[in-house]
Amino acid sequence: MKRAQQLLCSSDVSIDEISLATDFADTAHFHRAFRKIIGLFPAVWRIEKKR
């Protein structure tokens, strides 16, 4: 999940591409796992961190 967080903060790569790059089977699984661990959906987390 740390790698996903790094990519979300430091690039404009799509969340679909990040989910594939971090070895998730599909984007939905990535969204669920990210929210369970971090507490926010990836897109929301990205917006909050870029502020």
C-alpha atoms as a PDB file:
ATOM      1  CA  MET A   1       0.000   0.000   0.000  1.00  0.00           C
ATOM      2  CA  LYS A   2       2.963   2.314   0.574  1.00  0.00           C
ATOM      3  CA  ARG A   3       3.872   2.068  -3.122  1.00  0.00           C
ATOM      4  CA  ALA A   4       0.302   2.956  -4.080  1.00  0.00           C
ATOM      5  CA  GLN A   5       0.422   5.965  -1.778  1.00  0.00           C
ATOM      6  CA  GLN A   6       3.712   7.086  -3.310  1.00  0.00           C
ATOM      7  CA  LEU A   7       2.295   6.839  -6.825  1.00  0.00           C
ATOM      8  CA  LEU A   8      -0.886   8.653  -5.854  1.00  0.00           C
ATOM      9  CA  CYS A   9       1.094  11.548  -4.358  1.00  0.00           C
ATOM     10  CA  SER A  10       3.908  11.874  -6.831  1.00  0.00           C
ATOM     11  CA  SER A  11       2.255  11.267 -10.189  1.00  0.00           C
ATOM     12  CA  ASP A  12      -0.872  11.784 -12.214  1.00  0.00           C
ATOM     13  CA  VAL A  13      -1.015   8.103 -13.160  1.00  0.00           C
ATOM     14  CA  SER A  14      -4.582   6.826 -13.176  1.00  0.00           C
ATOM     15  CA  ILE A  15      -5.856   4.803 -10.252  1.00  0.00           C
ATOM     16  CA  ASP A  16      -6.489   1.910 -12.661  1.00  0.00           C
ATOM     17  CA  GLU A  17      -2.824   1.916 -13.630  1.00  0.00           C
ATOM     18  CA  ILE A  18      -1.729   2.167 -10.004  1.00  0.00           C
ATOM     19  CA  SER A  19      -3.877  -0.807  -9.053  1.00  0.00           C
ATOM     20  CA  LEU A  20      -2.252  -2.886 -11.786  1.00  0.00           C
ATOM     21  CA  ALA A  21       1.246  -1.649 -10.911  1.00  0.00           C
ATOM     22  CA  THR A  22       0.738  -2.687  -7.299  1.00  0.00           C
ATOM     23  CA  ASP A  23      -0.395  -6.211  -8.249  1.00  0.00           C
ATOM     24  CA  PHE A  24      -4.089  -5.985  -7.465  1.00  0.00           C
ATOM     25  CA  ALA A  25      -6.303  -8.265  -9.523  1.00  0.00           C
ATOM     26  CA  ASP A  26      -8.645  -5.414 -10.410  1.00  0.00           C
ATOM     27  CA  THR A  27      -9.420  -1.822  -9.544  1.00  0.00           C
ATOM     28  CA  ALA A  28     -12.401  -2.688  -7.345  1.00  0.00           C
ATOM     29  CA  HIS A  29     -10.218  -4.871  -5.134  1.00  0.00           C
ATOM     30  CA  PHE A  30      -7.645  -2.076  -4.912  1.00  0.00           C
ATOM     31  CA  HIS A  31     -10.339   0.438  -3.892  1.00  0.00           C
ATOM     32  CA  ARG A  32     -11.677  -1.870  -1.166  1.00  0.00           C
ATOM     33  CA  ALA A  33      -8.232  -2.708   0.206  1.00  0.00           C
ATOM     34  CA  PHE A  34      -7.080   0.918   0.147  1.00  0.00           C
ATOM     35  CA  ARG A  35     -10.187   2.090   1.972  1.00  0.00           C
ATOM     36  CA  LYS A  36      -9.927  -0.668   4.554  1.00  0.00           C
ATOM     37  CA  ILE A  37      -6.274   0.127   5.321  1.00  0.00           C
ATOM     38  CA  ILE A  38      -6.143   3.909   4.821  1.00  0.00           C
ATOM     39  CA  GLY A  39      -9.743   4.865   5.593  1.00  0.00           C
ATOM     40  CA  LEU A  40     -10.397   6.762   2.364  1.00  0.00           C
ATOM     41  CA  PHE A  41     -10.887   5.864  -1.262  1.00  0.00           C
ATOM     42  CA  PRO A  42      -7.738   6.375  -3.375  1.00  0.00           C
ATOM     43  CA  ALA A  43      -9.099   9.358  -5.320  1.00  0.00           C
ATOM     44  CA  VAL A  44     -10.178  11.148  -2.137  1.00  0.00           C
ATOM     45  CA  TRP A  45      -6.832  10.406  -0.467  1.00  0.00           C
ATOM     46  CA  ARG A  46      -4.981  11.777  -3.508  1.00  0.00           C
ATOM     47  CA  ILE A  47      -6.958  15.017  -3.437  1.00  0.00           C
ATOM     48  CA  GLU A  48      -6.413  15.449   0.312  1.00  0.00           C
ATOM     49  CA  LYS A  49      -2.654  14.861   0.037  1.00  0.00           C
ATOM     50  CA  LYS A  50      -2.211  17.249  -2.893  1.00  0.00           C
ATOM     51  CA  ARG A  51      -3.744  20.156  -0.961  1.00  0.00           C
END
